[in-house]
Every structure is written in C-alpha cells, then in structure tokens.
Amino acid sequence: EEFVQEVKPSPRIYVGHLHQSTSEGDLIRIFQGAGTVKNIEYMWHKHGPLRGVPRGYAFIEMSSLHDAQNAIECFNNMIVRG
C-alpha cells in the first residue's frame, strides 16, 4: 500500500543558511518588500554552550499565499549577509 500525503500551499516560508549577524529586523525589512509579514520565528539554540546563538534559519509567515509566492520569487537564493 502506497502512502501519499498531499501538501497544502502555505504562506509560511523556510529561510535557511542565515549568517549569525542577520537579525529578525533585517528579515522583516527584506520580506516586507514582497508583501505583509504576519509573523517571524527566528530559531535560536536553547541549550548548551551555543545558547542564545541563532541556529541559522527562520520561518516567515506572510499574510497571504500570494505574498508568500512573491517573496519566494523575489528572494530565493538571495545573499543577505555574506
């Protein structure tokens, strides 16, 4: 029996390979260029010697699927801080 899971479109975008100096404010300013940013989840190390250091990725939720698609088209492979 084959299991197939349907993936529903989402206004939530994974943003990876972020430099440690990239702030939440930087991401909001960038992504507002594509539409309305509804929420941002910047991921941090919570335990151990790296506690408080950014993990290098975030999830950005745009206000609509249209804004999310626009952001992906505009910023895919963009270098923020190299």
C-alpha atoms as a PDB file:
ATOM      1  CA  GLU A   1       0.000   0.000   0.000  1.00  0.00           C
ATOM      2  CA  GLU A   2       1.365   3.373  -1.021  1.00  0.00           C
ATOM      3  CA  PHE A   3       1.086   6.367   1.281  1.00  0.00           C
ATOM      4  CA  VAL A   4       0.828   9.768  -0.377  1.00  0.00           C
ATOM      5  CA  GLN A   5       0.417  12.902   1.640  1.00  0.00           C
ATOM      6  CA  GLU A   6      -0.975  15.972  -0.045  1.00  0.00           C
ATOM      7  CA  VAL A   7       0.997  19.116   0.720  1.00  0.00           C
ATOM      8  CA  LYS A   8      -1.199  22.169   1.039  1.00  0.00           C
ATOM      9  CA  PRO A   9       0.160  25.560  -0.012  1.00  0.00           C
ATOM     10  CA  SER A  10       1.137  27.681   2.952  1.00  0.00           C
ATOM     11  CA  PRO A  11       2.068  31.325   3.467  1.00  0.00           C
ATOM     12  CA  ARG A  12       4.869  30.091   5.790  1.00  0.00           C
ATOM     13  CA  ILE A  13       8.341  30.204   4.257  1.00  0.00           C
ATOM     14  CA  TYR A  14      11.517  28.464   5.435  1.00  0.00           C
ATOM     15  CA  VAL A  15      14.558  30.744   5.194  1.00  0.00           C
ATOM     16  CA  GLY A  16      17.889  28.992   5.668  1.00  0.00           C
ATOM     17  CA  HIS A  17      21.624  29.467   5.701  1.00  0.00           C
ATOM     18  CA  LEU A  18      21.348  32.757   7.576  1.00  0.00           C
ATOM     19  CA  HIS A  19      24.507  34.452   8.795  1.00  0.00           C
ATOM     20  CA  GLN A  20      24.635  34.853  12.582  1.00  0.00           C
ATOM     21  CA  SER A  21      24.612  38.632  12.239  1.00  0.00           C
ATOM     22  CA  THR A  22      21.263  38.614  10.397  1.00  0.00           C
ATOM     23  CA  SER A  23      18.594  39.949  12.749  1.00  0.00           C
ATOM     24  CA  GLU A  24      14.833  39.499  12.858  1.00  0.00           C
ATOM     25  CA  GLY A  25      14.558  43.156  11.873  1.00  0.00           C
ATOM     26  CA  ASP A  26      16.692  42.517   8.786  1.00  0.00           C
ATOM     27  CA  LEU A  27      14.392  39.693   7.702  1.00  0.00           C
ATOM     28  CA  ILE A  28      11.252  41.733   8.300  1.00  0.00           C
ATOM     29  CA  ARG A  29      12.629  44.672   6.278  1.00  0.00           C
ATOM     30  CA  ILE A  30      13.599  42.373   3.401  1.00  0.00           C
ATOM     31  CA  PHE A  31      10.379  40.365   3.262  1.00  0.00           C
ATOM     32  CA  GLN A  32       8.145  43.418   3.589  1.00  0.00           C
ATOM     33  CA  GLY A  33       9.370  44.208   0.086  1.00  0.00           C
ATOM     34  CA  ALA A  34       7.243  41.290  -1.134  1.00  0.00           C
ATOM     35  CA  GLY A  35       4.127  41.841   0.965  1.00  0.00           C
ATOM     36  CA  THR A  36       2.878  41.899   4.535  1.00  0.00           C
ATOM     37  CA  VAL A  37       4.862  39.896   7.095  1.00  0.00           C
ATOM     38  CA  LYS A  38       2.399  38.337   9.551  1.00  0.00           C
ATOM     39  CA  ASN A  39       4.865  36.527  11.833  1.00  0.00           C
ATOM     40  CA  ILE A  40       8.511  35.577  12.110  1.00  0.00           C
ATOM     41  CA  GLU A  41      10.028  32.670  14.016  1.00  0.00           C
ATOM     42  CA  TYR A  42      13.782  33.103  14.277  1.00  0.00           C
ATOM     43  CA  MET A  43      15.278  29.894  15.614  1.00  0.00           C
ATOM     44  CA  TRP A  44      17.843  30.071  18.452  1.00  0.00           C
ATOM     45  CA  HIS A  45      19.931  27.488  20.288  1.00  0.00           C
ATOM     46  CA  LYS A  46      18.173  26.959  23.613  1.00  0.00           C
ATOM     47  CA  HIS A  47      20.688  24.799  25.486  1.00  0.00           C
ATOM     48  CA  GLY A  48      24.402  24.229  25.881  1.00  0.00           C
ATOM     49  CA  PRO A  49      27.348  26.434  25.006  1.00  0.00           C
ATOM     50  CA  LEU A  50      25.596  27.917  21.952  1.00  0.00           C
ATOM     51  CA  ARG A  51      22.573  29.055  23.962  1.00  0.00           C
ATOM     52  CA  GLY A  52      21.275  32.356  22.576  1.00  0.00           C
ATOM     53  CA  VAL A  53      23.114  31.985  19.260  1.00  0.00           C
ATOM     54  CA  PRO A  54      20.977  31.951  16.087  1.00  0.00           C
ATOM     55  CA  ARG A  55      20.562  28.494  14.539  1.00  0.00           C
ATOM     56  CA  GLY A  56      20.841  29.902  11.021  1.00  0.00           C
ATOM     57  CA  TYR A  57      17.252  29.585   9.892  1.00  0.00           C
ATOM     58  CA  ALA A  58      13.838  31.143  10.358  1.00  0.00           C
ATOM     59  CA  PHE A  59      10.211  30.707   9.372  1.00  0.00           C
ATOM     60  CA  ILE A  60       8.447  33.720   7.959  1.00  0.00           C
ATOM     61  CA  GLU A  61       4.687  33.767   7.638  1.00  0.00           C
ATOM     62  CA  MET A  62       3.301  36.132   5.054  1.00  0.00           C
ATOM     63  CA  SER A  63      -0.255  37.443   5.164  1.00  0.00           C
ATOM     64  CA  SER A  64      -1.335  35.514   2.056  1.00  0.00           C
ATOM     65  CA  LEU A  65      -0.271  32.782  -0.337  1.00  0.00           C
ATOM     66  CA  HIS A  66       0.203  35.457  -2.990  1.00  0.00           C
ATOM     67  CA  ASP A  67       2.647  37.406  -0.783  1.00  0.00           C
ATOM     68  CA  ALA A  68       4.495  34.177   0.103  1.00  0.00           C
ATOM     69  CA  GLN A  69       4.882  33.206  -3.556  1.00  0.00           C
ATOM     70  CA  ASN A  70       6.021  36.732  -4.392  1.00  0.00           C
ATOM     71  CA  ALA A  71       8.631  36.563  -1.598  1.00  0.00           C
ATOM     72  CA  ILE A  72       9.925  33.215  -2.848  1.00  0.00           C
ATOM     73  CA  GLU A  73      10.215  34.538  -6.405  1.00  0.00           C
ATOM     74  CA  CYS A  74      11.926  37.748  -5.254  1.00  0.00           C
ATOM     75  CA  PHE A  75      14.310  36.411  -2.638  1.00  0.00           C
ATOM     76  CA  ASN A  76      15.116  32.779  -3.471  1.00  0.00           C
ATOM     77  CA  ASN A  77      18.933  32.371  -3.422  1.00  0.00           C
ATOM     78  CA  MET A  78      19.415  35.952  -2.218  1.00  0.00           C
ATOM     79  CA  ILE A  79      22.555  36.579  -0.154  1.00  0.00           C
ATOM     80  CA  VAL A  80      21.636  38.732   2.856  1.00  0.00           C
ATOM     81  CA  ARG A  81      24.977  38.932   4.671  1.00  0.00           C
ATOM     82  CA  GLY A  82      27.834  37.103   3.072  1.00  0.00           C
END
